[in-house]
Amino acid sequence: MARGETSGKKPVYKRKPVSAEANTLAMSIREFCRLHGISEDQFYKMQREQWGPTVMHVGSRTLISREAAERWRREREAAAAWRKAREAAA
């Protein structure tokens, strides 16, 4: 296969299917953000404001367990439902 600068074509990077990554026990911040459709900047904002997922440190890596991601999603859903009920009552 010819290199991009020779053939004039851009390289194609294949992403792993989401379903294969969903079965992992822990994910990196980048994987978490991609799976949840948020930016890394948004992730760090959530962490600063203390409503982000619980992270764990393994050596020099920061990981988010599948359970922590699930708990975070449930908390976000509950917060959204609470806001919607509060707005409906007002």
PDB file of N, CA and C in Angstrom:
ATOM      1  N   MET A   1       0.846  -1.173   0.000  1.00  0.00           N
ATOM      2  CA  MET A   1       0.000   0.000   0.000  1.00  0.00           C
ATOM      3  C   MET A   1       0.892   1.236   0.000  1.00  0.00           C
ATOM      4  N   ALA A   2       0.589   2.151  -0.873  1.00  0.00           N
ATOM      5  CA  ALA A   2       1.399   3.362  -1.015  1.00  0.00           C
ATOM      6  C   ALA A   2       1.113   4.332   0.124  1.00  0.00           C
ATOM      7  N   ARG A   3       2.125   5.101   0.463  1.00  0.00           N
ATOM      8  CA  ARG A   3       1.959   6.109   1.501  1.00  0.00           C
ATOM      9  C   ARG A   3       1.120   7.258   0.975  1.00  0.00           C
ATOM     10  N   GLY A   4       0.486   7.992   1.897  1.00  0.00           N
ATOM     11  CA  GLY A   4      -0.420   9.068   1.535  1.00  0.00           C
ATOM     12  C   GLY A   4       0.221  10.151   0.701  1.00  0.00           C
ATOM     13  N   GLU A   5       1.454  10.521   1.052  1.00  0.00           N
ATOM     14  CA  GLU A   5       2.100  11.594   0.290  1.00  0.00           C
ATOM     15  C   GLU A   5       2.448  11.147  -1.123  1.00  0.00           C
ATOM     16  N   THR A   6       2.534   9.853  -1.369  1.00  0.00           N
ATOM     17  CA  THR A   6       2.818   9.334  -2.697  1.00  0.00           C
ATOM     18  C   THR A   6       1.545   9.192  -3.527  1.00  0.00           C
ATOM     19  N   SER A   7       0.526   8.612  -2.918  1.00  0.00           N
ATOM     20  CA  SER A   7      -0.711   8.342  -3.653  1.00  0.00           C
ATOM     21  C   SER A   7      -1.675   9.525  -3.664  1.00  0.00           C
ATOM     22  N   GLY A   8      -1.497  10.476  -2.753  1.00  0.00           N
ATOM     23  CA  GLY A   8      -2.395  11.622  -2.680  1.00  0.00           C
ATOM     24  C   GLY A   8      -3.649  11.343  -1.872  1.00  0.00           C
ATOM     25  N   LYS A   9      -3.759  10.150  -1.288  1.00  0.00           N
ATOM     26  CA  LYS A   9      -4.928   9.799  -0.493  1.00  0.00           C
ATOM     27  C   LYS A   9      -4.622   9.982   0.989  1.00  0.00           C
ATOM     28  N   LYS A  10      -5.638  10.374   1.718  1.00  0.00           N
ATOM     29  CA  LYS A  10      -5.472  10.510   3.158  1.00  0.00           C
ATOM     30  C   LYS A  10      -5.551   9.124   3.804  1.00  0.00           C
ATOM     31  N   PRO A  11      -4.805   8.905   4.894  1.00  0.00           N
ATOM     32  CA  PRO A  11      -4.892   7.608   5.568  1.00  0.00           C
ATOM     33  C   PRO A  11      -6.258   7.446   6.232  1.00  0.00           C
ATOM     34  N   VAL A  12      -6.745   6.226   6.288  1.00  0.00           N
ATOM     35  CA  VAL A  12      -8.029   5.920   6.911  1.00  0.00           C
ATOM     36  C   VAL A  12      -7.745   5.194   8.209  1.00  0.00           C
ATOM     37  N   TYR A  13      -8.230   5.745   9.298  1.00  0.00           N
ATOM     38  CA  TYR A  13      -8.056   5.125  10.602  1.00  0.00           C
ATOM     39  C   TYR A  13      -9.361   4.477  10.992  1.00  0.00           C
ATOM     40  N   LYS A  14      -9.316   3.185  11.241  1.00  0.00           N
ATOM     41  CA  LYS A  14     -10.528   2.461  11.599  1.00  0.00           C
ATOM     42  C   LYS A  14     -10.703   2.495  13.110  1.00  0.00           C
ATOM     43  N   ARG A  15     -11.920   2.838  13.538  1.00  0.00           N
ATOM     44  CA  ARG A  15     -12.232   2.852  14.968  1.00  0.00           C
ATOM     45  C   ARG A  15     -12.781   1.499  15.374  1.00  0.00           C
ATOM     46  N   LYS A  16     -12.551   1.135  16.625  1.00  0.00           N
ATOM     47  CA  LYS A  16     -13.116  -0.099  17.143  1.00  0.00           C
ATOM     48  C   LYS A  16     -14.628   0.065  17.250  1.00  0.00           C
ATOM     49  N   PRO A  17     -15.376  -1.002  17.037  1.00  0.00           N
ATOM     50  CA  PRO A  17     -16.818  -0.884  17.215  1.00  0.00           C
ATOM     51  C   PRO A  17     -17.151  -0.586  18.669  1.00  0.00           C
ATOM     52  N   VAL A  18     -18.159   0.226  18.889  1.00  0.00           N
ATOM     53  CA  VAL A  18     -18.540   0.615  20.252  1.00  0.00           C
ATOM     54  C   VAL A  18     -18.956  -0.587  21.061  1.00  0.00           C
ATOM     55  N   SER A  19     -19.642  -1.546  20.453  1.00  0.00           N
ATOM     56  CA  SER A  19     -20.133  -2.707  21.193  1.00  0.00           C
ATOM     57  C   SER A  19     -18.984  -3.526  21.786  1.00  0.00           C
ATOM     58  N   ALA A  20     -17.858  -3.601  21.103  1.00  0.00           N
ATOM     59  CA  ALA A  20     -16.712  -4.347  21.631  1.00  0.00           C
ATOM     60  C   ALA A  20     -16.121  -3.621  22.831  1.00  0.00           C
ATOM     61  N   GLU A  21     -16.107  -2.287  22.801  1.00  0.00           N
ATOM     62  CA  GLU A  21     -15.545  -1.535  23.913  1.00  0.00           C
ATOM     63  C   GLU A  21     -16.485  -1.508  25.112  1.00  0.00           C
ATOM     64  N   ALA A  22     -17.763  -1.681  24.878  1.00  0.00           N
ATOM     65  CA  ALA A  22     -18.729  -1.621  25.971  1.00  0.00           C
ATOM     66  C   ALA A  22     -18.559  -2.780  26.939  1.00  0.00           C
ATOM     67  N   ASN A  23     -17.872  -3.845  26.525  1.00  0.00           N
ATOM     68  CA  ASN A  23     -17.691  -5.007  27.387  1.00  0.00           C
ATOM     69  C   ASN A  23     -16.421  -4.939  28.219  1.00  0.00           C
ATOM     70  N   THR A  24     -15.644  -3.872  28.103  1.00  0.00           N
ATOM     71  CA  THR A  24     -14.422  -3.760  28.877  1.00  0.00           C
ATOM     72  C   THR A  24     -14.756  -3.423  30.327  1.00  0.00           C
ATOM     73  N   LEU A  25     -13.867  -3.765  31.236  1.00  0.00           N
ATOM     74  CA  LEU A  25     -14.097  -3.503  32.656  1.00  0.00           C
ATOM     75  C   LEU A  25     -13.832  -2.056  33.021  1.00  0.00           C
ATOM     76  N   ALA A  26     -12.911  -1.415  32.314  1.00  0.00           N
ATOM     77  CA  ALA A  26     -12.583  -0.019  32.589  1.00  0.00           C
ATOM     78  C   ALA A  26     -12.193   0.646  31.282  1.00  0.00           C
ATOM     79  N   MET A  27     -12.385   1.970  31.245  1.00  0.00           N
ATOM     80  CA  MET A  27     -12.069   2.709  30.018  1.00  0.00           C
ATOM     81  C   MET A  27     -11.290   3.958  30.369  1.00  0.00           C
ATOM     82  N   SER A  28     -10.550   4.431  29.403  1.00  0.00           N
ATOM     83  CA  SER A  28      -9.813   5.672  29.594  1.00  0.00           C
ATOM     84  C   SER A  28     -10.782   6.848  29.516  1.00  0.00           C
ATOM     85  N   ILE A  29     -10.295   8.017  29.879  1.00  0.00           N
ATOM     86  CA  ILE A  29     -11.127   9.224  29.793  1.00  0.00           C
ATOM     87  C   ILE A  29     -11.537   9.467  28.349  1.00  0.00           C
ATOM     88  N   ARG A  30     -10.617   9.288  27.431  1.00  0.00           N
ATOM     89  CA  ARG A  30     -10.923   9.496  26.005  1.00  0.00           C
ATOM     90  C   ARG A  30     -12.012   8.535  25.537  1.00  0.00           C
ATOM     91  N   GLU A  31     -11.913   7.258  25.922  1.00  0.00           N
ATOM     92  CA  GLU A  31     -12.934   6.279  25.536  1.00  0.00           C
ATOM     93  C   GLU A  31     -14.283   6.618  26.165  1.00  0.00           C
ATOM     94  N   PHE A  32     -14.271   7.004  27.439  1.00  0.00           N
ATOM     95  CA  PHE A  32     -15.510   7.376  28.131  1.00  0.00           C
ATOM     96  C   PHE A  32     -16.190   8.530  27.402  1.00  0.00           C
ATOM     97  N   CYS A  33     -15.414   9.534  27.054  1.00  0.00           N
ATOM     98  CA  CYS A  33     -15.967  10.705  26.374  1.00  0.00           C
ATOM     99  C   CYS A  33     -16.536  10.339  25.014  1.00  0.00           C
ATOM    100  N   ARG A  34     -15.833   9.509  24.277  1.00  0.00           N
ATOM    101  CA  ARG A  34     -16.312   9.121  22.953  1.00  0.00           C
ATOM    102  C   ARG A  34     -17.584   8.291  23.057  1.00  0.00           C
ATOM    103  N   LEU A  35     -17.628   7.357  24.019  1.00  0.00           N
ATOM    104  CA  LEU A  35     -18.810   6.517  24.188  1.00  0.00           C
ATOM    105  C   LEU A  35     -20.029   7.308  24.641  1.00  0.00           C
ATOM    106  N   HIS A  36     -19.807   8.396  25.384  1.00  0.00           N
ATOM    107  CA  HIS A  36     -20.922   9.175  25.914  1.00  0.00           C
ATOM    108  C   HIS A  36     -21.193  10.445  25.117  1.00  0.00           C
ATOM    109  N   GLY A  37     -20.428  10.663  24.068  1.00  0.00           N
ATOM    110  CA  GLY A  37     -20.676  11.796  23.182  1.00  0.00           C
ATOM    111  C   GLY A  37     -20.405  13.149  23.809  1.00  0.00           C
ATOM    112  N   ILE A  38     -19.391  13.215  24.666  1.00  0.00           N
ATOM    113  CA  ILE A  38     -19.007  14.486  25.278  1.00  0.00           C
ATOM    114  C   ILE A  38     -17.539  14.759  24.967  1.00  0.00           C
ATOM    115  N   SER A  39     -17.139  16.008  25.097  1.00  0.00           N
ATOM    116  CA  SER A  39     -15.740  16.360  24.852  1.00  0.00           C
ATOM    117  C   SER A  39     -14.925  16.126  26.122  1.00  0.00           C
ATOM    118  N   GLU A  40     -13.625  16.036  25.956  1.00  0.00           N
ATOM    119  CA  GLU A  40     -12.757  15.886  27.118  1.00  0.00           C
ATOM    120  C   GLU A  40     -12.799  17.146  27.973  1.00  0.00           C
ATOM    121  N   ASP A  41     -12.954  18.311  27.349  1.00  0.00           N
ATOM    122  CA  ASP A  41     -13.091  19.551  28.118  1.00  0.00           C
ATOM    123  C   ASP A  41     -14.323  19.487  29.012  1.00  0.00           C
ATOM    124  N   GLN A  42     -15.429  18.972  28.472  1.00  0.00           N
ATOM    125  CA  GLN A  42     -16.649  18.834  29.268  1.00  0.00           C
ATOM    126  C   GLN A  42     -16.421  17.866  30.421  1.00  0.00           C
ATOM    127  N   PHE A  43     -15.683  16.786  30.179  1.00  0.00           N
ATOM    128  CA  PHE A  43     -15.383  15.824  31.235  1.00  0.00           C
ATOM    129  C   PHE A  43     -14.639  16.496  32.388  1.00  0.00           C
ATOM    130  N   TYR A  44     -13.607  17.272  32.055  1.00  0.00           N
ATOM    131  CA  TYR A  44     -12.824  17.910  33.110  1.00  0.00           C
ATOM    132  C   TYR A  44     -13.634  19.001  33.822  1.00  0.00           C
ATOM    133  N   LYS A  45     -14.552  19.648  33.112  1.00  0.00           N
ATOM    134  CA  LYS A  45     -15.444  20.604  33.757  1.00  0.00           C
ATOM    135  C   LYS A  45     -16.340  19.881  34.752  1.00  0.00           C
ATOM    136  N   MET A  46     -16.863  18.721  34.371  1.00  0.00           N
ATOM    137  CA  MET A  46     -17.711  17.931  35.272  1.00  0.00           C
ATOM    138  C   MET A  46     -16.920  17.518  36.510  1.00  0.00           C
ATOM    139  N   GLN A  47     -15.672  17.135  36.316  1.00  0.00           N
ATOM    140  CA  GLN A  47     -14.844  16.738  37.452  1.00  0.00           C
ATOM    141  C   GLN A  47     -14.608  17.925  38.392  1.00  0.00           C
ATOM    142  N   ARG A  48     -14.320  19.099  37.833  1.00  0.00           N
ATOM    143  CA  ARG A  48     -14.091  20.287  38.662  1.00  0.00           C
ATOM    144  C   ARG A  48     -15.334  20.641  39.467  1.00  0.00           C
ATOM    145  N   GLU A  49     -16.498  20.505  38.831  1.00  0.00           N
ATOM    146  CA  GLU A  49     -17.757  20.845  39.489  1.00  0.00           C
ATOM    147  C   GLU A  49     -18.327  19.682  40.299  1.00  0.00           C
ATOM    148  N   GLN A  50     -17.600  18.574  40.347  1.00  0.00           N
ATOM    149  CA  GLN A  50     -17.902  17.396  41.157  1.00  0.00           C
ATOM    150  C   GLN A  50     -19.217  16.716  40.788  1.00  0.00           C
ATOM    151  N   TRP A  51     -19.524  16.659  39.505  1.00  0.00           N
ATOM    152  CA  TRP A  51     -20.658  15.859  39.065  1.00  0.00           C
ATOM    153  C   TRP A  51     -20.269  14.897  37.948  1.00  0.00           C
ATOM    154  N   GLY A  52     -18.968  14.653  37.852  1.00  0.00           N
ATOM    155  CA  GLY A  52     -18.456  13.699  36.871  1.00  0.00           C
ATOM    156  C   GLY A  52     -18.410  12.300  37.460  1.00  0.00           C
ATOM    157  N   PRO A  53     -18.049  11.315  36.650  1.00  0.00           N
ATOM    158  CA  PRO A  53     -17.963   9.939  37.142  1.00  0.00           C
ATOM    159  C   PRO A  53     -16.774   9.755  38.080  1.00  0.00           C
ATOM    160  N   THR A  54     -16.857   8.748  38.909  1.00  0.00           N
ATOM    161  CA  THR A  54     -15.751   8.400  39.801  1.00  0.00           C
ATOM    162  C   THR A  54     -14.633   7.783  38.966  1.00  0.00           C
ATOM    163  N   VAL A  55     -13.423   8.234  39.193  1.00  0.00           N
ATOM    164  CA  VAL A  55     -12.270   7.712  38.451  1.00  0.00           C
ATOM    165  C   VAL A  55     -11.382   6.914  39.386  1.00  0.00           C
ATOM    166  N   MET A  56     -10.561   6.055  38.803  1.00  0.00           N
ATOM    167  CA  MET A  56      -9.568   5.306  39.584  1.00  0.00           C
ATOM    168  C   MET A  56      -8.217   5.490  38.910  1.00  0.00           C
ATOM    169  N   HIS A  57      -7.195   5.453  39.701  1.00  0.00           N
ATOM    170  CA  HIS A  57      -5.838   5.624  39.194  1.00  0.00           C
ATOM    171  C   HIS A  57      -5.127   4.282  39.259  1.00  0.00           C
ATOM    172  N   VAL A  58      -4.627   3.842  38.126  1.00  0.00           N
ATOM    173  CA  VAL A  58      -3.883   2.587  38.032  1.00  0.00           C
ATOM    174  C   VAL A  58      -2.532   2.937  37.438  1.00  0.00           C
ATOM    175  N   GLY A  59      -1.524   2.962  38.288  1.00  0.00           N
ATOM    176  CA  GLY A  59      -0.215   3.413  37.848  1.00  0.00           C
ATOM    177  C   GLY A  59      -0.316   4.873  37.449  1.00  0.00           C
ATOM    178  N   SER A  60       0.050   5.189  36.234  1.00  0.00           N
ATOM    179  CA  SER A  60      -0.028   6.571  35.772  1.00  0.00           C
ATOM    180  C   SER A  60      -1.308   6.818  34.975  1.00  0.00           C
ATOM    181  N   ARG A  61      -2.155   5.801  34.831  1.00  0.00           N
ATOM    182  CA  ARG A  61      -3.379   5.939  34.044  1.00  0.00           C
ATOM    183  C   ARG A  61      -4.565   6.297  34.920  1.00  0.00           C
ATOM    184  N   THR A  62      -5.491   7.043  34.355  1.00  0.00           N
ATOM    185  CA  THR A  62      -6.751   7.363  35.010  1.00  0.00           C
ATOM    186  C   THR A  62      -7.840   6.634  34.241  1.00  0.00           C
ATOM    187  N   LEU A  63      -8.561   5.768  34.939  1.00  0.00           N
ATOM    188  CA  LEU A  63      -9.579   4.939  34.310  1.00  0.00           C
ATOM    189  C   LEU A  63     -10.930   5.143  34.968  1.00  0.00           C
ATOM    190  N   ILE A  64     -11.986   4.802  34.226  1.00  0.00           N
ATOM    191  CA  ILE A  64     -13.349   4.863  34.732  1.00  0.00           C
ATOM    192  C   ILE A  64     -13.927   3.463  34.579  1.00  0.00           C
ATOM    193  N   SER A  65     -14.376   2.884  35.673  1.00  0.00           N
ATOM    194  CA  SER A  65     -14.926   1.534  35.597  1.00  0.00           C
ATOM    195  C   SER A  65     -16.289   1.554  34.923  1.00  0.00           C
ATOM    196  N   ARG A  66     -16.675   0.419  34.408  1.00  0.00           N
ATOM    197  CA  ARG A  66     -17.981   0.289  33.758  1.00  0.00           C
ATOM    198  C   ARG A  66     -19.093   0.610  34.754  1.00  0.00           C
ATOM    199  N   GLU A  67     -18.929   0.177  36.010  1.00  0.00           N
ATOM    200  CA  GLU A  67     -19.932   0.436  37.037  1.00  0.00           C
ATOM    201  C   GLU A  67     -20.033   1.924  37.363  1.00  0.00           C
ATOM    202  N   ALA A  68     -18.882   2.613  37.424  1.00  0.00           N
ATOM    203  CA  ALA A  68     -18.889   4.055  37.708  1.00  0.00           C
ATOM    204  C   ALA A  68     -19.570   4.814  36.581  1.00  0.00           C
ATOM    205  N   ALA A  69     -19.337   4.391  35.341  1.00  0.00           N
ATOM    206  CA  ALA A  69     -19.988   5.041  34.201  1.00  0.00           C
ATOM    207  C   ALA A  69     -21.496   4.820  34.250  1.00  0.00           C
ATOM    208  N   GLU A  70     -21.911   3.613  34.604  1.00  0.00           N
ATOM    209  CA  GLU A  70     -23.342   3.318  34.710  1.00  0.00           C
ATOM    210  C   GLU A  70     -23.985   4.132  35.837  1.00  0.00           C
ATOM    211  N   ARG A  71     -23.316   4.222  36.970  1.00  0.00           N
ATOM    212  CA  ARG A  71     -23.825   5.011  38.103  1.00  0.00           C
ATOM    213  C   ARG A  71     -23.939   6.484  37.711  1.00  0.00           C
ATOM    214  N   TRP A  72     -22.944   6.995  36.991  1.00  0.00           N
ATOM    215  CA  TRP A  72     -22.970   8.389  36.540  1.00  0.00           C
ATOM    216  C   TRP A  72     -24.149   8.639  35.613  1.00  0.00           C
ATOM    217  N   ARG A  73     -24.397   7.711  34.666  1.00  0.00           N
ATOM    218  CA  ARG A  73     -25.533   7.866  33.747  1.00  0.00           C
ATOM    219  C   ARG A  73     -26.850   7.879  34.512  1.00  0.00           C
ATOM    220  N   ARG A  74     -27.007   7.004  35.491  1.00  0.00           N
ATOM    221  CA  ARG A  74     -28.244   6.977  36.287  1.00  0.00           C
ATOM    222  C   ARG A  74     -28.428   8.272  37.075  1.00  0.00           C
ATOM    223  N   GLU A  75     -27.349   8.790  37.640  1.00  0.00           N
ATOM    224  CA  GLU A  75     -27.430  10.062  38.372  1.00  0.00           C
ATOM    225  C   GLU A  75     -27.825  11.203  37.447  1.00  0.00           C
ATOM    226  N   ARG A  76     -27.271  11.229  36.229  1.00  0.00           N
ATOM    227  CA  ARG A  76     -27.629  12.281  35.268  1.00  0.00           C
ATOM    228  C   ARG A  76     -29.091  12.162  34.856  1.00  0.00           C
ATOM    229  N   GLU A  77     -29.573  10.934  34.660  1.00  0.00           N
ATOM    230  CA  GLU A  77     -30.980  10.735  34.298  1.00  0.00           C
ATOM    231  C   GLU A  77     -31.894  11.186  35.428  1.00  0.00           C
ATOM    232  N   ALA A  78     -31.523  10.850  36.666  1.00  0.00           N
ATOM    233  CA  ALA A  78     -32.334  11.243  37.816  1.00  0.00           C
ATOM    234  C   ALA A  78     -32.352  12.765  37.975  1.00  0.00           C
ATOM    235  N   ALA A  79     -31.208  13.408  37.756  1.00  0.00           N
ATOM    236  CA  ALA A  79     -31.141  14.869  37.870  1.00  0.00           C
ATOM    237  C   ALA A  79     -32.007  15.525  36.798  1.00  0.00           C
ATOM    238  N   ALA A  80     -31.994  14.976  35.592  1.00  0.00           N
ATOM    239  CA  ALA A  80     -32.808  15.530  34.508  1.00  0.00           C
ATOM    240  C   ALA A  80     -34.295  15.352  34.813  1.00  0.00           C
ATOM    241  N   ALA A  81     -34.671  14.193  35.335  1.00  0.00           N
ATOM    242  CA  ALA A  81     -36.077  13.950  35.676  1.00  0.00           C
ATOM    243  C   ALA A  81     -36.523  14.883  36.796  1.00  0.00           C
ATOM    244  N   TRP A  82     -35.648  15.121  37.773  1.00  0.00           N
ATOM    245  CA  TRP A  82     -35.984  16.015  38.885  1.00  0.00           C
ATOM    246  C   TRP A  82     -36.204  17.442  38.385  1.00  0.00           C
ATOM    247  N   ARG A  83     -35.301  17.911  37.504  1.00  0.00           N
ATOM    248  CA  ARG A  83     -35.451  19.260  36.937  1.00  0.00           C
ATOM    249  C   ARG A  83     -36.737  19.385  36.130  1.00  0.00           C
ATOM    250  N   LYS A  84     -37.046  18.347  35.365  1.00  0.00           N
ATOM    251  CA  LYS A  84     -38.262  18.377  34.540  1.00  0.00           C
ATOM    252  C   LYS A  84     -39.501  18.417  35.429  1.00  0.00           C
ATOM    253  N   ALA A  85     -39.531  17.654  36.512  1.00  0.00           N
ATOM    254  CA  ALA A  85     -40.668  17.654  37.434  1.00  0.00           C
ATOM    255  C   ALA A  85     -40.783  18.990  38.138  1.00  0.00           C
ATOM    256  N   ARG A  86     -39.663  19.594  38.506  1.00  0.00           N
ATOM    257  CA  ARG A  86     -39.673  20.876  39.169  1.00  0.00           C
ATOM    258  C   ARG A  86     -40.194  21.975  38.250  1.00  0.00           C
ATOM    259  N   GLU A  87     -39.790  21.933  36.987  1.00  0.00           N
ATOM    260  CA  GLU A  87     -40.271  22.918  36.012  1.00  0.00           C
ATOM    261  C   GLU A  87     -41.758  22.746  35.736  1.00  0.00           C
ATOM    262  N   ALA A  88     -42.223  21.503  35.722  1.00  0.00           N
ATOM    263  CA  ALA A  88     -43.642  21.244  35.470  1.00  0.00           C
ATOM    264  C   ALA A  88     -44.506  21.730  36.643  1.00  0.00           C
ATOM    265  N   ALA A  89     -43.957  21.663  37.858  1.00  0.00           N
ATOM    266  CA  ALA A  89     -44.699  22.094  39.044  1.00  0.00           C
ATOM    267  C   ALA A  89     -44.751  23.620  39.160  1.00  0.00           C
ATOM    268  N   ALA A  90     -43.821  24.302  38.527  1.00  0.00           N
ATOM    269  CA  ALA A  90     -43.765  25.758  38.651  1.00  0.00           C
ATOM    270  C   ALA A  90     -44.703  26.469  37.726  1.00  0.00           C
TER     271      ALA A  90
END
